[in-house]
C-alpha atoms as a PDB file:
ATOM      1  CA  MET A   1      99.523 158.968  59.676  1.00  0.00           C
ATOM      2  CA  PRO A   2     101.261 155.908  61.143  1.00  0.00           C
ATOM      3  CA  LEU A   3      99.921 152.582  59.858  1.00  0.00           C
ATOM      4  CA  GLY A   4      99.047 151.431  63.388  1.00  0.00           C
ATOM      5  CA  ARG A   5      96.847 154.489  63.861  1.00  0.00           C
ATOM      6  CA  LEU A   6      95.216 153.840  60.473  1.00  0.00           C
ATOM      7  CA  LEU A   7      94.388 150.273  61.506  1.00  0.00           C
ATOM      8  CA  LEU A   8      92.931 151.580  64.771  1.00  0.00           C
ATOM      9  CA  LEU A   9      90.767 154.020  62.786  1.00  0.00           C
ATOM     10  CA  LEU A  10      89.601 151.207  60.532  1.00  0.00           C
ATOM     11  CA  GLU A  11      88.788 149.005  63.526  1.00  0.00           C
ATOM     12  CA  LEU A  12      86.818 151.844  65.143  1.00  0.00           C
ATOM     13  CA  VAL A  13      84.604 152.223  62.106  1.00  0.00           C
ATOM     14  CA  GLY A  14      84.225 148.524  61.422  1.00  0.00           C
ATOM     15  CA  MET A  15      86.307 148.329  58.255  1.00  0.00           C
ATOM     16  CA  VAL A  16      88.478 145.587  59.759  1.00  0.00           C
ATOM     17  CA  ALA A  17      85.966 143.066  60.938  1.00  0.00           C
ATOM     18  CA  SER A  18      85.158 139.400  61.210  1.00  0.00           C
ATOM     19  CA  PHE A  19      82.609 139.759  58.418  1.00  0.00           C
ATOM     20  CA  THR A  20      82.631 141.062  54.862  1.00  0.00           C
ATOM     21  CA  LEU A  21      80.959 144.340  53.922  1.00  0.00           C
ATOM     22  CA  ASP A  22      81.352 147.234  51.565  1.00  0.00           C
ATOM     23  CA  ALA A  23      82.504 150.519  53.067  1.00  0.00           C
ATOM     24  CA  GLY A  24      83.265 154.030  51.945  1.00  0.00           C
ATOM     25  CA  PHE A  25      85.114 156.792  53.738  1.00  0.00           C
ATOM     26  CA  GLY A  26      85.786 160.457  53.263  1.00  0.00           C
ATOM     27  CA  MET A  27      89.125 161.836  54.408  1.00  0.00           C
ATOM     28  CA  LEU A  28      89.730 165.474  55.241  1.00  0.00           C
ATOM     29  CA  THR A  29      93.181 166.976  54.685  1.00  0.00           C
ATOM     30  CA  ARG A  30      94.491 170.506  55.095  1.00  0.00           C
ATOM     31  CA  SER A  31      97.792 170.689  53.265  1.00  0.00           C
ATOM     32  CA  THR A  32      99.878 168.996  50.618  1.00  0.00           C
ATOM     33  CA  LYS A  33     101.596 166.975  53.347  1.00  0.00           C
ATOM     34  CA  SER A  34      98.315 165.671  54.768  1.00  0.00           C
ATOM     35  CA  LEU A  35      97.051 165.030  51.233  1.00  0.00           C
ATOM     36  CA  TYR A  36     100.032 162.726  50.768  1.00  0.00           C
ATOM     37  CA  GLN A  37      99.183 161.090  54.104  1.00  0.00           C
ATOM     38  CA  GLY A  38      95.640 160.564  52.861  1.00  0.00           C
ATOM     39  CA  LEU A  39      96.914 158.975  49.685  1.00  0.00           C
ATOM     40  CA  ALA A  40      99.210 156.777  51.788  1.00  0.00           C
ATOM     41  CA  ALA A  41      96.196 155.726  53.878  1.00  0.00           C
ATOM     42  CA  GLN A  42      94.319 154.758  50.726  1.00  0.00           C
ATOM     43  CA  MET A  43      97.356 152.822  49.523  1.00  0.00           C
ATOM     44  CA  ALA A  44      97.623 151.025  52.878  1.00  0.00           C
ATOM     45  CA  ILE A  45      93.966 150.025  52.660  1.00  0.00           C
ATOM     46  CA  HIS A  46      94.569 148.735  49.147  1.00  0.00           C
ATOM     47  CA  HIS A  47      97.563 146.691  50.312  1.00  0.00           C
ATOM     48  CA  ILE A  48      95.546 145.177  53.126  1.00  0.00           C
ATOM     49  CA  GLN A  49      92.576 144.495  50.841  1.00  0.00           C
ATOM     50  CA  THR A  50      94.794 142.689  48.346  1.00  0.00           C
ATOM     51  CA  GLN A  51      96.382 140.809  51.248  1.00  0.00           C
ATOM     52  CA  ASN A  52      99.773 142.371  50.541  1.00  0.00           C
ATOM     53  CA  THR A  53     100.579 142.368  54.242  1.00  0.00           C
ATOM     54  CA  ALA A  54     104.355 142.614  54.033  1.00  0.00           C
ATOM     55  CA  LEU A  55     104.208 145.717  56.257  1.00  0.00           C
ATOM     56  CA  VAL A  56     101.242 144.723  58.421  1.00  0.00           C
ATOM     57  CA  THR A  57     100.409 141.710  60.526  1.00  0.00           C
ATOM     58  CA  LEU A  58      96.681 141.192  60.856  1.00  0.00           C
ATOM     59  CA  PRO A  59      95.096 139.100  63.610  1.00  0.00           C
ATOM     60  CA  GLU A  60      94.371 135.481  62.665  1.00  0.00           C
ATOM     61  CA  GLY A  61      90.939 135.107  61.095  1.00  0.00           C
ATOM     62  CA  THR A  62      90.575 138.760  60.077  1.00  0.00           C
ATOM     63  CA  VAL A  63      88.369 139.192  57.029  1.00  0.00           C
ATOM     64  CA  MET A  64      88.539 142.498  55.226  1.00  0.00           C
ATOM     65  CA  CYS A  65      85.697 144.479  53.732  1.00  0.00           C
ATOM     66  CA  GLY A  66      84.579 143.390  50.299  1.00  0.00           C
ATOM     67  CA  SER A  67      85.204 146.873  48.950  1.00  0.00           C
ATOM     68  CA  VAL A  68      86.582 150.045  50.525  1.00  0.00           C
ATOM     69  CA  THR A  69      86.372 153.300  48.609  1.00  0.00           C
ATOM     70  CA  GLY A  70      87.678 156.674  49.642  1.00  0.00           C
ATOM     71  CA  ASP A  71      87.446 160.327  48.698  1.00  0.00           C
ATOM     72  CA  LEU A  72      89.913 163.039  49.776  1.00  0.00           C
ATOM     73  CA  ARG A  73      88.945 166.671  50.391  1.00  0.00           C
ATOM     74  CA  ASP A  74      91.230 169.536  51.382  1.00  0.00           C
ATOM     75  CA  THR A  75      89.619 171.687  54.092  1.00  0.00           C
ATOM     76  CA  LEU A  76      92.333 174.368  53.817  1.00  0.00           C
ATOM     77  CA  GLY A  77      92.085 174.357  57.630  1.00  0.00           C
ATOM     78  CA  LEU A  78      88.649 176.011  57.419  1.00  0.00           C
ATOM     79  CA  PRO A  79      85.574 174.758  59.319  1.00  0.00           C
ATOM     80  CA  SER A  80      83.335 175.802  56.411  1.00  0.00           C
ATOM     81  CA  GLU A  81      85.209 173.433  54.063  1.00  0.00           C
ATOM     82  CA  GLY A  82      84.795 170.516  56.494  1.00  0.00           C
ATOM     83  CA  ILE A  83      81.065 171.261  56.716  1.00  0.00           C
ATOM     84  CA  ARG A  84      80.834 171.481  52.920  1.00  0.00           C
ATOM     85  CA  ALA A  85      82.566 168.112  52.514  1.00  0.00           C
ATOM     86  CA  ALA A  86      80.303 166.433  55.105  1.00  0.00           C
ATOM     87  CA  LEU A  87      77.182 167.813  53.439  1.00  0.00           C
ATOM     88  CA  ASP A  88      78.433 166.952  49.928  1.00  0.00           C
ATOM     89  CA  TRP A  89      79.186 163.369  50.969  1.00  0.00           C
ATOM     90  CA  GLY A  90      75.865 163.101  52.790  1.00  0.00           C
ATOM     91  CA  GLY A  91      75.188 159.446  53.485  1.00  0.00           C
ATOM     92  CA  THR A  92      77.406 158.210  50.634  1.00  0.00           C
ATOM     93  CA  VAL A  93      80.309 157.548  53.036  1.00  0.00           C
ATOM     94  CA  ASP A  94      80.288 155.346  56.118  1.00  0.00           C
ATOM     95  CA  VAL A  95      82.816 157.446  58.017  1.00  0.00           C
ATOM     96  CA  ILE A  96      84.752 160.690  57.717  1.00  0.00           C
ATOM     97  CA  VAL A  97      88.404 160.496  58.762  1.00  0.00           C
ATOM     98  CA  GLY A  98      89.727 163.824  59.997  1.00  0.00           C
ATOM     99  CA  ALA A  99      90.090 166.612  60.348  1.00  0.00           C
ATOM    100  CA  SER A 100      93.417 167.256  62.010  1.00  0.00           C
ATOM    101  CA  LYS A 101      92.244 170.512  63.635  1.00  0.00           C
ATOM    102  CA  SER A 102      89.646 170.527  66.396  1.00  0.00           C
ATOM    103  CA  SER A 103      88.193 173.754  65.011  1.00  0.00           C
ATOM    104  CA  VAL A 104      87.359 171.854  61.807  1.00  0.00           C
ATOM    105  CA  SER A 105      86.431 168.483  63.320  1.00  0.00           C
ATOM    106  CA  GLY A 106      83.716 169.886  65.606  1.00  0.00           C
ATOM    107  CA  PRO A 107      81.642 171.651  62.937  1.00  0.00           C
ATOM    108  CA  THR A 108      82.271 168.784  60.494  1.00  0.00           C
ATOM    109  CA  SER A 109      80.958 166.305  63.064  1.00  0.00           C
ATOM    110  CA  LEU A 110      77.813 168.372  63.562  1.00  0.00           C
ATOM    111  CA  ALA A 111      77.193 168.462  59.793  1.00  0.00           C
ATOM    112  CA  ALA A 112      77.904 164.730  59.412  1.00  0.00           C
ATOM    113  CA  GLN A 113      75.527 163.967  62.264  1.00  0.00           C
ATOM    114  CA  ILE A 114      72.623 164.924  59.959  1.00  0.00           C
ATOM    115  CA  ASN A 115      73.273 161.688  58.019  1.00  0.00           C
ATOM    116  CA  SER A 116      74.456 159.660  61.050  1.00  0.00           C
ATOM    117  CA  VAL A 117      78.014 159.538  59.687  1.00  0.00           C
ATOM    118  CA  PRO A 118      80.716 159.251  62.375  1.00  0.00           C
ATOM    119  CA  VAL A 119      83.787 161.482  62.266  1.00  0.00           C
ATOM    120  CA  VAL A 120      87.037 159.911  63.499  1.00  0.00           C
ATOM    121  CA  SER A 121      89.950 162.291  64.011  1.00  0.00           C
ATOM    122  CA  TYR A 122      93.579 161.274  64.310  1.00  0.00           C
ATOM    123  CA  ALA A 123      94.745 164.641  65.663  1.00  0.00           C
ATOM    124  CA  SER A 124      91.884 166.743  67.128  1.00  0.00           C
ATOM    125  CA  THR A 125      92.529 167.163  70.847  1.00  0.00           C
ATOM    126  CA  SER A 126      90.001 169.728  72.083  1.00  0.00           C
ATOM    127  CA  ALA A 127      88.367 168.534  75.301  1.00  0.00           C
ATOM    128  CA  ALA A 128      85.068 170.059  74.117  1.00  0.00           C
ATOM    129  CA  LEU A 129      84.811 167.320  71.482  1.00  0.00           C
ATOM    130  CA  SER A 130      84.544 164.717  74.277  1.00  0.00           C
ATOM    131  CA  ASP A 131      81.038 165.992  75.071  1.00  0.00           C
ATOM    132  CA  LYS A 132      78.841 163.174  73.690  1.00  0.00           C
ATOM    133  CA  VAL A 133      75.702 165.290  74.096  1.00  0.00           C
ATOM    134  CA  ASN A 134      77.020 167.886  71.642  1.00  0.00           C
ATOM    135  CA  PHE A 135      79.222 165.593  69.517  1.00  0.00           C
ATOM    136  CA  PRO A 136      77.644 162.110  69.616  1.00  0.00           C
ATOM    137  CA  MET A 137      79.184 161.033  66.296  1.00  0.00           C
ATOM    138  CA  PHE A 138      82.748 162.251  67.004  1.00  0.00           C
ATOM    139  CA  TYR A 139      85.563 159.808  67.859  1.00  0.00           C
ATOM    140  CA  ARG A 140      89.328 160.199  68.072  1.00  0.00           C
ATOM    141  CA  THR A 141      92.494 158.131  68.303  1.00  0.00           C
ATOM    142  CA  VAL A 142      94.405 160.654  70.430  1.00  0.00           C
ATOM    143  CA  PRO A 143      93.571 161.851  73.966  1.00  0.00           C
ATOM    144  CA  PRO A 144      92.090 165.281  74.559  1.00  0.00           C
ATOM    145  CA  ASP A 145      94.432 168.079  75.702  1.00  0.00           C
ATOM    146  CA  ALA A 146      93.278 167.810  79.333  1.00  0.00           C
ATOM    147  CA  ILE A 147      94.382 164.167  79.549  1.00  0.00           C
ATOM    148  CA  ALA A 148      97.544 164.539  77.483  1.00  0.00           C
ATOM    149  CA  ALA A 149      98.854 167.387  79.643  1.00  0.00           C
END
C-alpha cells in the first residue's frame, strides 16, 4: 500500500489529527504479499509516531495519536474470515483496514457495524458498497468500478 494512501486512511479514521488520542486498528490481509504490506503499514505508523519523517512530510502543526496499536489477520480471501476477525476484534479496535476484495469487505463491514467500527478499504471497488443504507460504516480510498470505468 503506498504511503500516501496509508496517510489518507489514517486521516479518514482520525489517527492523524490536531489532537492526541489512543487508537487501535485491525488490518485484513489475504496473502503473504499483503501481509508484508500490512507490516509495512505498521512500520510506517511507527516511523510517523516516533517523528522519523524522513520519508513523509506532515502538515505543520500535526499532532499524532498518543498510541496506535494494530493487529493483522489473514482472511485467505474468504468473507467468513473477515466476519470472524470483525467479531473477534469487537469494539477493541477503532477501525478495520481492508479487505482488498469487495466480497470480503461487504460482509466484514456488516459484522463490524455491530460494534460501530468503520471499515476502510484500500482496494474494494464494488459499487454496491457505496450504498450507505446497507453499508453505513464502509469507506474506501479508491473509486467504485462504475466511476473508475
